[in-house]
Amino acid sequence: MRVDAWHCGLYAARVFFLVAGVVGFVFGAGDQYLGSLFLLGPWTSTVSGMSAPWLVLPFAFGATQAGQRRAMLTGLTAVMCALAGYFVMTLSPLESVPPVTSRRT
């Protein structure tokens, strides 16, 4: 089976969107977790509250793309996955949120 250049480019674009999503998710989860580490000192909540890294993340992924539409979609994917990671982490047991158990009475 012969693979042409168009399919390789399409595959590379999909993989890059996946990488942007995974890195964004880890970034958002890490930002939320860093803000909860009070044992390391007050700098953790200060760094977690900064907005600049949230602006750099989509810019860094979008700047690697050649086309404007793909750059916008890559940056949007990264920041939306970062928000998902942030909100998933707020409800995780790592943030001392007890797991929900259903009790039948």
PDB file of N, CA and C in Angstrom:
ATOM      1  N   MET A   1       0.841  -1.179   0.000  1.00  0.00           N
ATOM      2  CA  MET A   1       0.000   0.000   0.000  1.00  0.00           C
ATOM      3  C   MET A   1       0.882   1.237   0.000  1.00  0.00           C
ATOM      4  N   ARG A   2       0.609   2.125  -0.906  1.00  0.00           N
ATOM      5  CA  ARG A   2       1.405   3.332  -1.061  1.00  0.00           C
ATOM      6  C   ARG A   2       0.750   4.478  -0.308  1.00  0.00           C
ATOM      7  N   VAL A   3       1.531   5.217   0.443  1.00  0.00           N
ATOM      8  CA  VAL A   3       1.038   6.373   1.190  1.00  0.00           C
ATOM      9  C   VAL A   3       1.558   7.627   0.503  1.00  0.00           C
ATOM     10  N   ASP A   4       0.650   8.511   0.117  1.00  0.00           N
ATOM     11  CA  ASP A   4       1.092   9.724  -0.552  1.00  0.00           C
ATOM     12  C   ASP A   4       1.337  10.842   0.461  1.00  0.00           C
ATOM     13  N   ALA A   5       1.880  11.933  -0.019  1.00  0.00           N
ATOM     14  CA  ALA A   5       2.276  13.049   0.850  1.00  0.00           C
ATOM     15  C   ALA A   5       1.068  13.705   1.512  1.00  0.00           C
ATOM     16  N   TRP A   6      -0.087  13.711   0.831  1.00  0.00           N
ATOM     17  CA  TRP A   6      -1.269  14.358   1.412  1.00  0.00           C
ATOM     18  C   TRP A   6      -1.714  13.622   2.667  1.00  0.00           C
ATOM     19  N   HIS A   7      -1.729  12.303   2.625  1.00  0.00           N
ATOM     20  CA  HIS A   7      -2.134  11.532   3.800  1.00  0.00           C
ATOM     21  C   HIS A   7      -1.125  11.688   4.941  1.00  0.00           C
ATOM     22  N   CYS A   8       0.159  11.783   4.623  1.00  0.00           N
ATOM     23  CA  CYS A   8       1.166  12.009   5.669  1.00  0.00           C
ATOM     24  C   CYS A   8       0.973  13.360   6.325  1.00  0.00           C
ATOM     25  N   GLY A   9       0.662  14.370   5.543  1.00  0.00           N
ATOM     26  CA  GLY A   9       0.412  15.706   6.098  1.00  0.00           C
ATOM     27  C   GLY A   9      -0.845  15.728   6.949  1.00  0.00           C
ATOM     28  N   LEU A  10      -1.874  15.025   6.524  1.00  0.00           N
ATOM     29  CA  LEU A  10      -3.114  14.946   7.294  1.00  0.00           C
ATOM     30  C   LEU A  10      -2.878  14.217   8.610  1.00  0.00           C
ATOM     31  N   TYR A  11      -2.106  13.161   8.570  1.00  0.00           N
ATOM     32  CA  TYR A  11      -1.780  12.419   9.783  1.00  0.00           C
ATOM     33  C   TYR A  11      -0.966  13.282  10.747  1.00  0.00           C
ATOM     34  N   ALA A  12       0.007  14.003  10.230  1.00  0.00           N
ATOM     35  CA  ALA A  12       0.836  14.871  11.071  1.00  0.00           C
ATOM     36  C   ALA A  12      -0.001  15.975  11.703  1.00  0.00           C
ATOM     37  N   ALA A  13      -0.961  16.516  10.977  1.00  0.00           N
ATOM     38  CA  ALA A  13      -1.820  17.556  11.537  1.00  0.00           C
ATOM     39  C   ALA A  13      -2.689  17.001  12.656  1.00  0.00           C
ATOM     40  N   ARG A  14      -3.212  15.808  12.469  1.00  0.00           N
ATOM     41  CA  ARG A  14      -4.045  15.196  13.513  1.00  0.00           C
ATOM     42  C   ARG A  14      -3.220  14.887  14.757  1.00  0.00           C
ATOM     43  N   VAL A  15      -2.012  14.398  14.546  1.00  0.00           N
ATOM     44  CA  VAL A  15      -1.143  14.110  15.687  1.00  0.00           C
ATOM     45  C   VAL A  15      -0.795  15.403  16.416  1.00  0.00           C
ATOM     46  N   PHE A  16      -0.575  16.485  15.681  1.00  0.00           N
ATOM     47  CA  PHE A  16      -0.241  17.748  16.329  1.00  0.00           C
ATOM     48  C   PHE A  16      -1.423  18.280  17.142  1.00  0.00           C
ATOM     49  N   PHE A  17      -2.648  18.107  16.632  1.00  0.00           N
ATOM     50  CA  PHE A  17      -3.827  18.492  17.416  1.00  0.00           C
ATOM     51  C   PHE A  17      -3.926  17.653  18.684  1.00  0.00           C
ATOM     52  N   LEU A  18      -3.619  16.378  18.584  1.00  0.00           N
ATOM     53  CA  LEU A  18      -3.633  15.504  19.754  1.00  0.00           C
ATOM     54  C   LEU A  18      -2.574  15.938  20.771  1.00  0.00           C
ATOM     55  N   VAL A  19      -1.380  16.264  20.293  1.00  0.00           N
ATOM     56  CA  VAL A  19      -0.309  16.735  21.185  1.00  0.00           C
ATOM     57  C   VAL A  19      -0.716  18.045  21.844  1.00  0.00           C
ATOM     58  N   ALA A  20      -1.313  18.945  21.080  1.00  0.00           N
ATOM     59  CA  ALA A  20      -1.769  20.222  21.654  1.00  0.00           C
ATOM     60  C   ALA A  20      -2.822  19.986  22.727  1.00  0.00           C
ATOM     61  N   GLY A  21      -3.712  19.035  22.500  1.00  0.00           N
ATOM     62  CA  GLY A  21      -4.740  18.726  23.489  1.00  0.00           C
ATOM     63  C   GLY A  21      -4.179  18.107  24.756  1.00  0.00           C
ATOM     64  N   VAL A  22      -3.269  17.177  24.598  1.00  0.00           N
ATOM     65  CA  VAL A  22      -2.679  16.515  25.768  1.00  0.00           C
ATOM     66  C   VAL A  22      -1.820  17.495  26.569  1.00  0.00           C
ATOM     67  N   VAL A  23      -0.996  18.272  25.897  1.00  0.00           N
ATOM     68  CA  VAL A  23      -0.165  19.259  26.596  1.00  0.00           C
ATOM     69  C   VAL A  23      -1.045  20.304  27.273  1.00  0.00           C
ATOM     70  N   GLY A  24      -2.103  20.724  26.597  1.00  0.00           N
ATOM     71  CA  GLY A  24      -3.026  21.682  27.205  1.00  0.00           C
ATOM     72  C   GLY A  24      -3.702  21.121  28.439  1.00  0.00           C
ATOM     73  N   PHE A  25      -4.151  19.883  28.370  1.00  0.00           N
ATOM     74  CA  PHE A  25      -4.802  19.246  29.519  1.00  0.00           C
ATOM     75  C   PHE A  25      -3.853  19.138  30.706  1.00  0.00           C
ATOM     76  N   VAL A  26      -2.626  18.711  30.448  1.00  0.00           N
ATOM     77  CA  VAL A  26      -1.628  18.597  31.515  1.00  0.00           C
ATOM     78  C   VAL A  26      -1.278  19.974  32.068  1.00  0.00           C
ATOM     79  N   PHE A  27      -1.201  20.974  31.208  1.00  0.00           N
ATOM     80  CA  PHE A  27      -0.910  22.337  31.659  1.00  0.00           C
ATOM     81  C   PHE A  27      -2.003  22.840  32.599  1.00  0.00           C
ATOM     82  N   GLY A  28      -3.259  22.670  32.216  1.00  0.00           N
ATOM     83  CA  GLY A  28      -4.364  23.134  33.057  1.00  0.00           C
ATOM     84  C   GLY A  28      -4.433  22.398  34.375  1.00  0.00           C
ATOM     85  N   ALA A  29      -4.249  21.085  34.344  1.00  0.00           N
ATOM     86  CA  ALA A  29      -4.264  20.304  35.578  1.00  0.00           C
ATOM     87  C   ALA A  29      -3.085  20.684  36.467  1.00  0.00           C
ATOM     88  N   GLY A  30      -1.928  20.884  35.871  1.00  0.00           N
ATOM     89  CA  GLY A  30      -0.753  21.280  36.645  1.00  0.00           C
ATOM     90  C   GLY A  30      -0.903  22.652  37.263  1.00  0.00           C
ATOM     91  N   ASP A  31      -1.532  23.571  36.539  1.00  0.00           N
ATOM     92  CA  ASP A  31      -1.764  24.907  37.075  1.00  0.00           C
ATOM     93  C   ASP A  31      -2.696  24.857  38.279  1.00  0.00           C
ATOM     94  N   GLN A  32      -3.733  24.080  38.189  1.00  0.00           N
ATOM     95  CA  GLN A  32      -4.654  23.948  39.320  1.00  0.00           C
ATOM     96  C   GLN A  32      -3.979  23.278  40.504  1.00  0.00           C
ATOM     97  N   TYR A  33      -3.205  22.246  40.254  1.00  0.00           N
ATOM     98  CA  TYR A  33      -2.536  21.531  41.334  1.00  0.00           C
ATOM     99  C   TYR A  33      -1.470  22.404  41.992  1.00  0.00           C
ATOM    100  N   LEU A  34      -0.748  23.170  41.202  1.00  0.00           N
ATOM    101  CA  LEU A  34       0.283  24.054  41.740  1.00  0.00           C
ATOM    102  C   LEU A  34      -0.319  25.092  42.678  1.00  0.00           C
ATOM    103  N   GLY A  35      -1.508  25.575  42.364  1.00  0.00           N
ATOM    104  CA  GLY A  35      -2.159  26.556  43.219  1.00  0.00           C
ATOM    105  C   GLY A  35      -2.602  26.002  44.559  1.00  0.00           C
ATOM    106  N   SER A  36      -2.704  24.697  44.669  1.00  0.00           N
ATOM    107  CA  SER A  36      -3.146  24.095  45.930  1.00  0.00           C
ATOM    108  C   SER A  36      -1.986  23.651  46.819  1.00  0.00           C
ATOM    109  N   LEU A  37      -0.772  23.794  46.369  1.00  0.00           N
ATOM    110  CA  LEU A  37       0.394  23.363  47.148  1.00  0.00           C
ATOM    111  C   LEU A  37       0.860  24.489  48.062  1.00  0.00           C
ATOM    112  N   PHE A  38       0.186  24.653  49.180  1.00  0.00           N
ATOM    113  CA  PHE A  38       0.545  25.716  50.111  1.00  0.00           C
ATOM    114  C   PHE A  38       1.782  25.363  50.929  1.00  0.00           C
ATOM    115  N   LEU A  39       2.142  24.092  50.986  1.00  0.00           N
ATOM    116  CA  LEU A  39       3.303  23.677  51.766  1.00  0.00           C
ATOM    117  C   LEU A  39       4.613  24.191  51.183  1.00  0.00           C
ATOM    118  N   LEU A  40       4.635  24.472  49.901  1.00  0.00           N
ATOM    119  CA  LEU A  40       5.853  24.970  49.261  1.00  0.00           C
ATOM    120  C   LEU A  40       6.044  26.465  49.441  1.00  0.00           C
ATOM    121  N   GLY A  41       5.027  27.139  49.917  1.00  0.00           N
ATOM    122  CA  GLY A  41       5.132  28.577  50.136  1.00  0.00           C
ATOM    123  C   GLY A  41       4.083  29.338  49.349  1.00  0.00           C
ATOM    124  N   PRO A  42       4.048  30.647  49.544  1.00  0.00           N
ATOM    125  CA  PRO A  42       3.023  31.451  48.865  1.00  0.00           C
ATOM    126  C   PRO A  42       3.274  31.648  47.374  1.00  0.00           C
ATOM    127  N   TRP A  43       4.461  31.331  46.892  1.00  0.00           N
ATOM    128  CA  TRP A  43       4.749  31.545  45.487  1.00  0.00           C
ATOM    129  C   TRP A  43       3.924  30.635  44.584  1.00  0.00           C
ATOM    130  N   THR A  44       3.490  29.477  45.098  1.00  0.00           N
ATOM    131  CA  THR A  44       2.741  28.548  44.250  1.00  0.00           C
ATOM    132  C   THR A  44       1.386  29.123  43.846  1.00  0.00           C
ATOM    133  N   SER A  45       0.699  29.743  44.777  1.00  0.00           N
ATOM    134  CA  SER A  45      -0.591  30.341  44.428  1.00  0.00           C
ATOM    135  C   SER A  45      -0.405  31.582  43.562  1.00  0.00           C
ATOM    136  N   THR A  46       0.706  32.277  43.738  1.00  0.00           N
ATOM    137  CA  THR A  46       0.983  33.446  42.900  1.00  0.00           C
ATOM    138  C   THR A  46       1.236  33.029  41.458  1.00  0.00           C
ATOM    139  N   VAL A  47       2.047  32.016  41.280  1.00  0.00           N
ATOM    140  CA  VAL A  47       2.339  31.522  39.931  1.00  0.00           C
ATOM    141  C   VAL A  47       1.081  30.941  39.290  1.00  0.00           C
ATOM    142  N   SER A  48       0.289  30.244  40.082  1.00  0.00           N
ATOM    143  CA  SER A  48      -0.941  29.654  39.559  1.00  0.00           C
ATOM    144  C   SER A  48      -1.948  30.715  39.139  1.00  0.00           C
ATOM    145  N   GLY A  49      -1.927  31.856  39.793  1.00  0.00           N
ATOM    146  CA  GLY A  49      -2.883  32.916  39.476  1.00  0.00           C
ATOM    147  C   GLY A  49      -2.475  33.809  38.322  1.00  0.00           C
ATOM    148  N   MET A  50      -1.289  33.636  37.789  1.00  0.00           N
ATOM    149  CA  MET A  50      -0.837  34.479  36.681  1.00  0.00           C
ATOM    150  C   MET A  50      -1.562  34.098  35.389  1.00  0.00           C
ATOM    151  N   SER A  51      -1.912  35.083  34.616  1.00  0.00           N
ATOM    152  CA  SER A  51      -2.633  34.810  33.372  1.00  0.00           C
ATOM    153  C   SER A  51      -1.708  34.680  32.167  1.00  0.00           C
ATOM    154  N   ALA A  52      -0.475  35.126  32.270  1.00  0.00           N
ATOM    155  CA  ALA A  52       0.429  35.101  31.120  1.00  0.00           C
ATOM    156  C   ALA A  52       0.660  33.702  30.561  1.00  0.00           C
ATOM    157  N   PRO A  53       0.882  32.677  31.395  1.00  0.00           N
ATOM    158  CA  PRO A  53       1.062  31.343  30.797  1.00  0.00           C
ATOM    159  C   PRO A  53      -0.162  30.866  30.023  1.00  0.00           C
ATOM    160  N   TRP A  54      -1.342  31.299  30.436  1.00  0.00           N
ATOM    161  CA  TRP A  54      -2.562  30.907  29.725  1.00  0.00           C
ATOM    162  C   TRP A  54      -2.647  31.592  28.368  1.00  0.00           C
ATOM    163  N   LEU A  55      -1.962  32.711  28.201  1.00  0.00           N
ATOM    164  CA  LEU A  55      -1.919  33.370  26.898  1.00  0.00           C
ATOM    165  C   LEU A  55      -0.802  32.805  26.024  1.00  0.00           C
ATOM    166  N   VAL A  56       0.283  32.392  26.660  1.00  0.00           N
ATOM    167  CA  VAL A  56       1.418  31.860  25.916  1.00  0.00           C
ATOM    168  C   VAL A  56       1.106  30.476  25.338  1.00  0.00           C
ATOM    169  N   LEU A  57       0.334  29.688  26.067  1.00  0.00           N
ATOM    170  CA  LEU A  57       0.036  28.317  25.623  1.00  0.00           C
ATOM    171  C   LEU A  57      -0.601  28.280  24.230  1.00  0.00           C
ATOM    172  N   PRO A  58      -1.733  28.953  23.983  1.00  0.00           N
ATOM    173  CA  PRO A  58      -2.302  28.876  22.633  1.00  0.00           C
ATOM    174  C   PRO A  58      -1.444  29.581  21.590  1.00  0.00           C
ATOM    175  N   PHE A  59      -0.752  30.654  22.006  1.00  0.00           N
ATOM    176  CA  PHE A  59       0.120  31.342  21.052  1.00  0.00           C
ATOM    177  C   PHE A  59       1.262  30.443  20.607  1.00  0.00           C
ATOM    178  N   ALA A  60       1.849  29.718  21.552  1.00  0.00           N
ATOM    179  CA  ALA A  60       2.981  28.852  21.219  1.00  0.00           C
ATOM    180  C   ALA A  60       2.570  27.739  20.257  1.00  0.00           C
ATOM    181  N   PHE A  61       1.395  27.171  20.452  1.00  0.00           N
ATOM    182  CA  PHE A  61       0.949  26.123  19.536  1.00  0.00           C
ATOM    183  C   PHE A  61       0.504  26.702  18.202  1.00  0.00           C
ATOM    184  N   GLY A  62      -0.160  27.837  18.222  1.00  0.00           N
ATOM    185  CA  GLY A  62      -0.602  28.438  16.972  1.00  0.00           C
ATOM    186  C   GLY A  62       0.536  28.968  16.126  1.00  0.00           C
ATOM    187  N   ALA A  63       1.598  29.425  16.766  1.00  0.00           N
ATOM    188  CA  ALA A  63       2.733  29.980  16.025  1.00  0.00           C
ATOM    189  C   ALA A  63       3.485  28.929  15.228  1.00  0.00           C
ATOM    190  N   THR A  64       3.297  27.674  15.547  1.00  0.00           N
ATOM    191  CA  THR A  64       4.005  26.621  14.823  1.00  0.00           C
ATOM    192  C   THR A  64       3.308  26.232  13.522  1.00  0.00           C
ATOM    193  N   GLN A  65       2.116  26.750  13.277  1.00  0.00           N
ATOM    194  CA  GLN A  65       1.344  26.362  12.101  1.00  0.00           C
ATOM    195  C   GLN A  65       1.540  27.366  10.970  1.00  0.00           C
ATOM    196  N   ALA A  66       1.412  26.878   9.745  1.00  0.00           N
ATOM    197  CA  ALA A  66       1.620  27.734   8.578  1.00  0.00           C
ATOM    198  C   ALA A  66       0.372  28.537   8.224  1.00  0.00           C
ATOM    199  N   GLY A  67      -0.788  27.905   8.296  1.00  0.00           N
ATOM    200  CA  GLY A  67      -2.018  28.581   7.922  1.00  0.00           C
ATOM    201  C   GLY A  67      -2.704  29.241   9.112  1.00  0.00           C
ATOM    202  N   GLN A  68      -3.449  30.299   8.836  1.00  0.00           N
ATOM    203  CA  GLN A  68      -4.128  31.034   9.905  1.00  0.00           C
ATOM    204  C   GLN A  68      -5.224  30.202  10.550  1.00  0.00           C
ATOM    205  N   ARG A  69      -6.005  29.509   9.746  1.00  0.00           N
ATOM    206  CA  ARG A  69      -7.101  28.706  10.286  1.00  0.00           C
ATOM    207  C   ARG A  69      -6.588  27.567  11.170  1.00  0.00           C
ATOM    208  N   ARG A  70      -5.577  26.889  10.694  1.00  0.00           N
ATOM    209  CA  ARG A  70      -5.005  25.793  11.479  1.00  0.00           C
ATOM    210  C   ARG A  70      -4.349  26.325  12.751  1.00  0.00           C
ATOM    211  N   ALA A  71      -3.715  27.479  12.679  1.00  0.00           N
ATOM    212  CA  ALA A  71      -3.103  28.090  13.868  1.00  0.00           C
ATOM    213  C   ALA A  71      -4.165  28.423  14.905  1.00  0.00           C
ATOM    214  N   MET A  72      -5.276  28.987  14.450  1.00  0.00           N
ATOM    215  CA  MET A  72      -6.362  29.336  15.363  1.00  0.00           C
ATOM    216  C   MET A  72      -6.970  28.090  15.988  1.00  0.00           C
ATOM    217  N   LEU A  73      -7.180  27.062  15.195  1.00  0.00           N
ATOM    218  CA  LEU A  73      -7.769  25.834  15.721  1.00  0.00           C
ATOM    219  C   LEU A  73      -6.823  25.092  16.669  1.00  0.00           C
ATOM    220  N   THR A  74      -5.538  25.133  16.381  1.00  0.00           N
ATOM    221  CA  THR A  74      -4.567  24.488  17.264  1.00  0.00           C
ATOM    222  C   THR A  74      -4.489  25.211  18.607  1.00  0.00           C
ATOM    223  N   GLY A  75      -4.433  26.537  18.577  1.00  0.00           N
ATOM    224  CA  GLY A  75      -4.428  27.306  19.821  1.00  0.00           C
ATOM    225  C   GLY A  75      -5.707  27.118  20.611  1.00  0.00           C
ATOM    226  N   LEU A  76      -6.830  27.084  19.910  1.00  0.00           N
ATOM    227  CA  LEU A  76      -8.117  26.872  20.575  1.00  0.00           C
ATOM    228  C   LEU A  76      -8.185  25.480  21.203  1.00  0.00           C
ATOM    229  N   THR A  77      -7.683  24.488  20.503  1.00  0.00           N
ATOM    230  CA  THR A  77      -7.652  23.127  21.058  1.00  0.00           C
ATOM    231  C   THR A  77      -6.809  23.077  22.322  1.00  0.00           C
ATOM    232  N   ALA A  78      -5.655  23.711  22.295  1.00  0.00           N
ATOM    233  CA  ALA A  78      -4.763  23.700  23.457  1.00  0.00           C
ATOM    234  C   ALA A  78      -5.414  24.379  24.655  1.00  0.00           C
ATOM    235  N   VAL A  79      -6.026  25.533  24.457  1.00  0.00           N
ATOM    236  CA  VAL A  79      -6.582  26.263  25.598  1.00  0.00           C
ATOM    237  C   VAL A  79      -7.878  25.630  26.098  1.00  0.00           C
ATOM    238  N   MET A  80      -8.675  25.043  25.230  1.00  0.00           N
ATOM    239  CA  MET A  80      -9.889  24.370  25.691  1.00  0.00           C
ATOM    240  C   MET A  80      -9.546  23.100  26.474  1.00  0.00           C
ATOM    241  N   CYS A  81      -8.543  22.375  26.030  1.00  0.00           N
ATOM    242  CA  CYS A  81      -8.108  21.198  26.785  1.00  0.00           C
ATOM    243  C   CYS A  81      -7.459  21.607  28.098  1.00  0.00           C
ATOM    244  N   ALA A  82      -6.791  22.755  28.125  1.00  0.00           N
ATOM    245  CA  ALA A  82      -6.223  23.263  29.380  1.00  0.00           C
ATOM    246  C   ALA A  82      -7.335  23.599  30.363  1.00  0.00           C
ATOM    247  N   LEU A  83      -8.392  24.213  29.878  1.00  0.00           N
ATOM    248  CA  LEU A  83      -9.531  24.505  30.756  1.00  0.00           C
ATOM    249  C   LEU A  83     -10.189  23.223  31.252  1.00  0.00           C
ATOM    250  N   ALA A  84     -10.289  22.234  30.385  1.00  0.00           N
ATOM    251  CA  ALA A  84     -10.856  20.948  30.811  1.00  0.00           C
ATOM    252  C   ALA A  84      -9.987  20.313  31.887  1.00  0.00           C
ATOM    253  N   GLY A  85      -8.677  20.335  31.715  1.00  0.00           N
ATOM    254  CA  GLY A  85      -7.780  19.797  32.720  1.00  0.00           C
ATOM    255  C   GLY A  85      -7.867  20.551  34.030  1.00  0.00           C
ATOM    256  N   TYR A  86      -8.020  21.854  33.952  1.00  0.00           N
ATOM    257  CA  TYR A  86      -8.143  22.683  35.153  1.00  0.00           C
ATOM    258  C   TYR A  86      -9.404  22.313  35.935  1.00  0.00           C
ATOM    259  N   PHE A  87     -10.521  22.218  35.239  1.00  0.00           N
ATOM    260  CA  PHE A  87     -11.781  21.928  35.922  1.00  0.00           C
ATOM    261  C   PHE A  87     -11.881  20.471  36.373  1.00  0.00           C
ATOM    262  N   VAL A  88     -11.287  19.549  35.636  1.00  0.00           N
ATOM    263  CA  VAL A  88     -11.257  18.157  36.094  1.00  0.00           C
ATOM    264  C   VAL A  88     -10.434  18.047  37.368  1.00  0.00           C
ATOM    265  N   MET A  89      -9.348  18.790  37.421  1.00  0.00           N
ATOM    266  CA  MET A  89      -8.486  18.735  38.603  1.00  0.00           C
ATOM    267  C   MET A  89      -9.161  19.346  39.831  1.00  0.00           C
ATOM    268  N   THR A  90     -10.047  20.316  39.640  1.00  0.00           N
ATOM    269  CA  THR A  90     -10.726  20.909  40.800  1.00  0.00           C
ATOM    270  C   THR A  90     -11.641  19.913  41.488  1.00  0.00           C
ATOM    271  N   LEU A  91     -12.076  18.907  40.772  1.00  0.00           N
ATOM    272  CA  LEU A  91     -12.977  17.905  41.353  1.00  0.00           C
ATOM    273  C   LEU A  91     -12.295  16.577  41.626  1.00  0.00           C
ATOM    274  N   SER A  92     -10.976  16.554  41.597  1.00  0.00           N
ATOM    275  CA  SER A  92     -10.264  15.288  41.766  1.00  0.00           C
ATOM    276  C   SER A  92      -9.905  15.042  43.228  1.00  0.00           C
ATOM    277  N   PRO A  93      -9.661  13.793  43.579  1.00  0.00           N
ATOM    278  CA  PRO A  93      -9.216  13.479  44.939  1.00  0.00           C
ATOM    279  C   PRO A  93      -7.866  14.105  45.296  1.00  0.00           C
ATOM    280  N   LEU A  94      -7.052  14.452  44.301  1.00  0.00           N
ATOM    281  CA  LEU A  94      -5.783  15.127  44.587  1.00  0.00           C
ATOM    282  C   LEU A  94      -5.999  16.499  45.207  1.00  0.00           C
ATOM    283  N   GLU A  95      -7.160  17.077  44.982  1.00  0.00           N
ATOM    284  CA  GLU A  95      -7.504  18.376  45.563  1.00  0.00           C
ATOM    285  C   GLU A  95      -8.312  18.217  46.843  1.00  0.00           C
ATOM    286  N   SER A  96      -8.276  17.051  47.436  1.00  0.00           N
ATOM    287  CA  SER A  96      -8.983  16.735  48.694  1.00  0.00           C
ATOM    288  C   SER A  96     -10.499  16.780  48.546  1.00  0.00           C
ATOM    289  N   VAL A  97     -10.991  16.472  47.376  1.00  0.00           N
ATOM    290  CA  VAL A  97     -12.431  16.364  47.157  1.00  0.00           C
ATOM    291  C   VAL A  97     -12.799  14.906  47.363  1.00  0.00           C
ATOM    292  N   PRO A  98     -13.674  14.613  48.325  1.00  0.00           N
ATOM    293  CA  PRO A  98     -14.010  13.208  48.570  1.00  0.00           C
ATOM    294  C   PRO A  98     -14.808  12.626  47.403  1.00  0.00           C
ATOM    295  N   PRO A  99     -14.577  11.359  47.097  1.00  0.00           N
ATOM    296  CA  PRO A  99     -15.361  10.739  46.025  1.00  0.00           C
ATOM    297  C   PRO A  99     -16.824  10.629  46.438  1.00  0.00           C
ATOM    298  N   VAL A 100     -17.691  10.779  45.487  1.00  0.00           N
ATOM    299  CA  VAL A 100     -19.122  10.720  45.741  1.00  0.00           C
ATOM    300  C   VAL A 100     -19.554   9.265  45.813  1.00  0.00           C
ATOM    301  N   THR A 101     -20.192   8.924  46.872  1.00  0.00           N
ATOM    302  CA  THR A 101     -20.733   7.574  47.005  1.00  0.00           C
ATOM    303  C   THR A 101     -22.236   7.690  47.186  1.00  0.00           C
ATOM    304  N   SER A 102     -22.933   6.828  46.531  1.00  0.00           N
ATOM    305  CA  SER A 102     -24.393   6.862  46.673  1.00  0.00           C
ATOM    306  C   SER A 102     -24.808   5.990  47.858  1.00  0.00           C
ATOM    307  N   ARG A 103     -25.592   6.540  48.700  1.00  0.00           N
ATOM    308  CA  ARG A 103     -26.082   5.801  49.862  1.00  0.00           C
ATOM    309  C   ARG A 103     -27.578   5.618  49.730  1.00  0.00           C
ATOM    310  N   ARG A 104     -27.953   4.403  49.812  1.00  0.00           N
ATOM    311  CA  ARG A 104     -29.397   4.102  49.746  1.00  0.00           C
ATOM    312  C   ARG A 104     -29.879   3.841  51.158  1.00  0.00           C
ATOM    313  N   THR A 105     -30.920   4.523  51.513  1.00  0.00           N
ATOM    314  CA  THR A 105     -31.458   4.357  52.864  1.00  0.00           C
ATOM    315  C   THR A 105     -32.746   3.588  52.847  1.00  0.00           C
TER     316      THR A 105
END
